[in-house]
Amino acid sequence: MNHAAIERAILALLDGRAPGKTICPSEVARALAGDAPAQWRPMMPAVRAAADLLAREGRLRVLQRGQAVASAVQAVGPIRLARPAPPGPG
C-alpha cells in the first residue's frame, strides 16, 4: 500500500467523525487491508509513519492518553489520531 493511499484513508476516517473525536491507527489499517489480524497488523508501521508525516504538516495530532505526543512511530503503546487543535483565541 502506498503512503499517499494511507494518508487519504486517515483523513477520510477523520472526516467521517464528529468534531473532537479520534480514530485508532488500526481502523485505518483495517479499512485498507481487511479485518483479519494477519492482513492489517503488518500495515501498522506504515500507518504510524503516515500519521507522523501528517502531524509534521499540521494536518493531524497524535495523542496518547489524551495528550499530544511528538511521534506516532516512537510512541510506545496505543495512540489515537485527531484533527489539528483549533486555533486559540487571538
N, C-alpha and C. Protein backbone atom coordinates (compact mmCIF):
# COMPACT_ATOMS: atom_id res chain seq x y z
N MET A 1 0.86 -1.18 0.00
CA MET A 1 0.00 0.00 0.00
C MET A 1 0.90 1.23 0.00
N ASN A 2 0.59 2.18 -0.86
CA ASN A 2 1.46 3.36 -0.92
C ASN A 2 1.08 4.39 0.15
N HIS A 3 2.05 5.21 0.44
CA HIS A 3 1.95 6.20 1.51
C HIS A 3 0.77 7.16 1.29
N ALA A 4 0.59 7.62 0.07
CA ALA A 4 -0.50 8.57 -0.22
C ALA A 4 -1.86 7.95 0.04
N ALA A 5 -2.02 6.68 -0.27
CA ALA A 5 -3.30 6.00 -0.02
C ALA A 5 -3.57 5.90 1.48
N ILE A 6 -2.55 5.66 2.25
CA ILE A 6 -2.71 5.59 3.70
C ILE A 6 -3.09 6.96 4.25
N GLU A 7 -2.43 8.00 3.79
CA GLU A 7 -2.77 9.36 4.23
C GLU A 7 -4.22 9.68 3.90
N ARG A 8 -4.64 9.35 2.68
CA ARG A 8 -6.03 9.61 2.28
C ARG A 8 -7.01 8.86 3.19
N ALA A 9 -6.68 7.63 3.53
CA ALA A 9 -7.56 6.85 4.40
C ALA A 9 -7.64 7.46 5.80
N ILE A 10 -6.51 7.90 6.33
CA ILE A 10 -6.51 8.55 7.65
C ILE A 10 -7.43 9.77 7.63
N LEU A 11 -7.23 10.63 6.64
CA LEU A 11 -8.01 11.87 6.57
C LEU A 11 -9.48 11.59 6.32
N ALA A 12 -9.79 10.58 5.51
CA ALA A 12 -11.19 10.25 5.24
C ALA A 12 -11.87 9.74 6.50
N LEU A 13 -11.20 8.90 7.27
CA LEU A 13 -11.79 8.41 8.51
C LEU A 13 -12.00 9.56 9.50
N LEU A 14 -11.05 10.47 9.59
CA LEU A 14 -11.23 11.63 10.48
C LEU A 14 -12.38 12.51 10.00
N ASP A 15 -12.51 12.67 8.69
CA ASP A 15 -13.61 13.48 8.16
C ASP A 15 -14.97 12.86 8.49
N GLY A 16 -15.01 11.55 8.65
CA GLY A 16 -16.25 10.87 8.97
C GLY A 16 -16.62 10.91 10.44
N ARG A 17 -15.76 11.47 11.27
CA ARG A 17 -16.01 11.55 12.71
C ARG A 17 -16.50 12.95 13.09
N ALA A 18 -17.23 12.98 14.16
CA ALA A 18 -17.69 14.27 14.69
C ALA A 18 -16.48 15.07 15.17
N PRO A 19 -16.60 16.39 15.17
CA PRO A 19 -15.51 17.22 15.70
C PRO A 19 -15.13 16.79 17.11
N GLY A 20 -13.84 16.73 17.37
CA GLY A 20 -13.34 16.35 18.68
C GLY A 20 -13.15 14.85 18.86
N LYS A 21 -13.62 14.04 17.91
CA LYS A 21 -13.48 12.59 18.01
C LYS A 21 -12.18 12.15 17.34
N THR A 22 -11.69 10.98 17.74
CA THR A 22 -10.42 10.47 17.25
C THR A 22 -10.62 9.13 16.55
N ILE A 23 -9.56 8.67 15.90
CA ILE A 23 -9.55 7.34 15.31
C ILE A 23 -8.32 6.59 15.81
N CYS A 24 -8.40 5.29 15.75
CA CYS A 24 -7.28 4.44 16.09
C CYS A 24 -6.54 4.09 14.80
N PRO A 25 -5.22 4.08 14.81
CA PRO A 25 -4.49 3.69 13.60
C PRO A 25 -4.91 2.32 13.06
N SER A 26 -5.33 1.42 13.94
CA SER A 26 -5.75 0.11 13.46
C SER A 26 -7.02 0.20 12.61
N GLU A 27 -7.86 1.22 12.83
CA GLU A 27 -9.04 1.42 11.99
C GLU A 27 -8.62 1.70 10.55
N VAL A 28 -7.55 2.46 10.40
CA VAL A 28 -7.03 2.77 9.07
C VAL A 28 -6.52 1.50 8.41
N ALA A 29 -5.72 0.75 9.14
CA ALA A 29 -5.16 -0.49 8.59
C ALA A 29 -6.28 -1.46 8.21
N ARG A 30 -7.29 -1.56 9.04
CA ARG A 30 -8.41 -2.47 8.74
C ARG A 30 -9.19 -2.00 7.52
N ALA A 31 -9.38 -0.70 7.39
CA ALA A 31 -10.11 -0.17 6.24
C ALA A 31 -9.37 -0.47 4.93
N LEU A 32 -8.06 -0.50 5.00
CA LEU A 32 -7.26 -0.71 3.80
C LEU A 32 -6.96 -2.18 3.51
N ALA A 33 -6.85 -3.00 4.56
CA ALA A 33 -6.37 -4.37 4.37
C ALA A 33 -7.38 -5.45 4.74
N GLY A 34 -8.39 -5.11 5.49
CA GLY A 34 -9.35 -6.12 5.94
C GLY A 34 -9.25 -6.35 7.42
N ASP A 35 -10.24 -7.06 7.96
CA ASP A 35 -10.35 -7.23 9.41
C ASP A 35 -9.48 -8.33 10.00
N ALA A 36 -8.99 -9.23 9.20
CA ALA A 36 -8.17 -10.32 9.74
C ALA A 36 -6.84 -9.76 10.23
N PRO A 37 -6.46 -10.05 11.48
CA PRO A 37 -5.21 -9.50 12.01
C PRO A 37 -3.99 -9.76 11.12
N ALA A 38 -3.95 -10.90 10.46
CA ALA A 38 -2.81 -11.20 9.58
C ALA A 38 -2.76 -10.25 8.40
N GLN A 39 -3.88 -9.62 8.08
CA GLN A 39 -3.92 -8.66 6.98
C GLN A 39 -3.57 -7.25 7.43
N TRP A 40 -4.15 -6.80 8.55
CA TRP A 40 -3.97 -5.39 8.92
C TRP A 40 -2.77 -5.13 9.82
N ARG A 41 -2.39 -6.06 10.67
CA ARG A 41 -1.27 -5.80 11.59
C ARG A 41 0.03 -5.43 10.88
N PRO A 42 0.38 -6.08 9.77
CA PRO A 42 1.62 -5.69 9.09
C PRO A 42 1.61 -4.25 8.55
N MET A 43 0.43 -3.67 8.43
CA MET A 43 0.33 -2.29 7.92
C MET A 43 0.57 -1.23 8.99
N MET A 44 0.56 -1.63 10.26
CA MET A 44 0.62 -0.64 11.33
C MET A 44 1.85 0.27 11.28
N PRO A 45 3.05 -0.23 11.02
CA PRO A 45 4.19 0.70 10.92
C PRO A 45 4.00 1.75 9.81
N ALA A 46 3.43 1.35 8.69
CA ALA A 46 3.21 2.30 7.59
C ALA A 46 2.14 3.33 7.97
N VAL A 47 1.11 2.89 8.69
CA VAL A 47 0.05 3.81 9.13
C VAL A 47 0.63 4.82 10.12
N ARG A 48 1.45 4.35 11.05
CA ARG A 48 2.06 5.28 12.01
C ARG A 48 3.02 6.24 11.32
N ALA A 49 3.74 5.77 10.32
CA ALA A 49 4.65 6.65 9.58
C ALA A 49 3.86 7.72 8.82
N ALA A 50 2.76 7.34 8.22
CA ALA A 50 1.93 8.31 7.51
C ALA A 50 1.34 9.33 8.50
N ALA A 51 0.94 8.86 9.67
CA ALA A 51 0.42 9.77 10.70
C ALA A 51 1.49 10.76 11.13
N ASP A 52 2.73 10.30 11.26
CA ASP A 52 3.83 11.20 11.61
C ASP A 52 3.98 12.32 10.59
N LEU A 53 3.94 11.94 9.32
CA LEU A 53 4.10 12.94 8.27
C LEU A 53 2.94 13.94 8.32
N LEU A 54 1.73 13.46 8.45
CA LEU A 54 0.57 14.36 8.53
C LEU A 54 0.67 15.26 9.76
N ALA A 55 1.16 14.74 10.86
CA ALA A 55 1.32 15.55 12.08
C ALA A 55 2.38 16.63 11.87
N ARG A 56 3.49 16.27 11.23
CA ARG A 56 4.54 17.28 10.95
C ARG A 56 4.02 18.37 10.04
N GLU A 57 3.08 18.03 9.16
CA GLU A 57 2.48 19.02 8.25
C GLU A 57 1.37 19.81 8.93
N GLY A 58 1.03 19.45 10.16
CA GLY A 58 -0.02 20.15 10.89
C GLY A 58 -1.42 19.72 10.49
N ARG A 59 -1.55 18.56 9.84
CA ARG A 59 -2.85 18.11 9.35
C ARG A 59 -3.56 17.17 10.31
N LEU A 60 -2.86 16.72 11.35
CA LEU A 60 -3.48 15.93 12.42
C LEU A 60 -2.62 15.98 13.65
N ARG A 61 -3.18 15.47 14.75
CA ARG A 61 -2.45 15.36 16.02
C ARG A 61 -2.37 13.90 16.40
N VAL A 62 -1.27 13.53 16.99
CA VAL A 62 -1.08 12.18 17.52
C VAL A 62 -1.21 12.28 19.03
N LEU A 63 -2.13 11.49 19.60
CA LEU A 63 -2.42 11.56 21.02
C LEU A 63 -2.16 10.23 21.71
N GLN A 64 -1.72 10.31 22.94
CA GLN A 64 -1.57 9.13 23.79
C GLN A 64 -2.11 9.52 25.16
N ARG A 65 -3.10 8.78 25.62
CA ARG A 65 -3.79 9.10 26.88
C ARG A 65 -4.32 10.54 26.86
N GLY A 66 -4.76 10.99 25.69
CA GLY A 66 -5.34 12.32 25.55
C GLY A 66 -4.36 13.46 25.40
N GLN A 67 -3.06 13.18 25.46
CA GLN A 67 -2.04 14.21 25.36
C GLN A 67 -1.28 14.07 24.03
N ALA A 68 -0.92 15.19 23.44
CA ALA A 68 -0.16 15.17 22.20
C ALA A 68 1.21 14.55 22.42
N VAL A 69 1.64 13.72 21.48
CA VAL A 69 2.98 13.15 21.51
C VAL A 69 3.71 13.57 20.24
N ALA A 70 5.02 13.55 20.31
CA ALA A 70 5.84 14.05 19.21
C ALA A 70 5.85 13.12 18.01
N SER A 71 5.71 11.82 18.23
CA SER A 71 5.87 10.89 17.12
C SER A 71 4.99 9.67 17.28
N ALA A 72 4.23 9.36 16.24
CA ALA A 72 3.42 8.14 16.23
C ALA A 72 4.31 6.91 16.14
N VAL A 73 5.43 7.04 15.47
CA VAL A 73 6.34 5.91 15.28
C VAL A 73 7.07 5.58 16.58
N GLN A 74 7.47 6.60 17.30
CA GLN A 74 8.25 6.39 18.52
C GLN A 74 7.39 6.13 19.76
N ALA A 75 6.10 6.47 19.68
CA ALA A 75 5.21 6.24 20.82
C ALA A 75 5.10 4.75 21.09
N VAL A 76 5.17 4.39 22.35
CA VAL A 76 5.04 3.00 22.76
C VAL A 76 3.64 2.83 23.33
N GLY A 77 2.89 1.90 22.79
CA GLY A 77 1.54 1.67 23.26
C GLY A 77 0.51 2.32 22.36
N PRO A 78 -0.74 2.27 22.79
CA PRO A 78 -1.84 2.76 21.95
C PRO A 78 -1.77 4.27 21.74
N ILE A 79 -2.12 4.67 20.54
CA ILE A 79 -2.23 6.09 20.21
C ILE A 79 -3.56 6.31 19.52
N ARG A 80 -3.95 7.56 19.43
CA ARG A 80 -5.15 7.96 18.71
C ARG A 80 -4.74 9.08 17.77
N LEU A 81 -5.49 9.22 16.69
CA LEU A 81 -5.25 10.27 15.72
C LEU A 81 -6.44 11.22 15.74
N ALA A 82 -6.15 12.52 15.72
CA ALA A 82 -7.20 13.54 15.83
C ALA A 82 -6.94 14.66 14.83
N ARG A 83 -7.98 15.41 14.59
CA ARG A 83 -7.81 16.60 13.76
C ARG A 83 -6.88 17.57 14.47
N PRO A 84 -6.33 18.53 13.74
CA PRO A 84 -5.48 19.54 14.40
C PRO A 84 -6.27 20.29 15.46
N ALA A 85 -5.56 20.76 16.46
CA ALA A 85 -6.20 21.57 17.50
C ALA A 85 -6.74 22.85 16.88
N PRO A 86 -7.93 23.28 17.30
CA PRO A 86 -8.45 24.54 16.78
C PRO A 86 -7.56 25.70 17.21
N PRO A 87 -7.51 26.74 16.40
CA PRO A 87 -6.68 27.88 16.79
C PRO A 87 -7.19 28.51 18.08
N GLY A 88 -6.26 28.95 18.90
CA GLY A 88 -6.62 29.58 20.16
C GLY A 88 -7.18 30.97 19.94
N PRO A 89 -7.75 31.53 20.99
CA PRO A 89 -8.27 32.90 20.87
C PRO A 89 -7.12 33.86 20.57
N GLY A 90 -7.41 34.73 19.72
CA GLY A 90 -6.30 35.59 19.37
C GLY A 90 -6.70 36.94 19.13
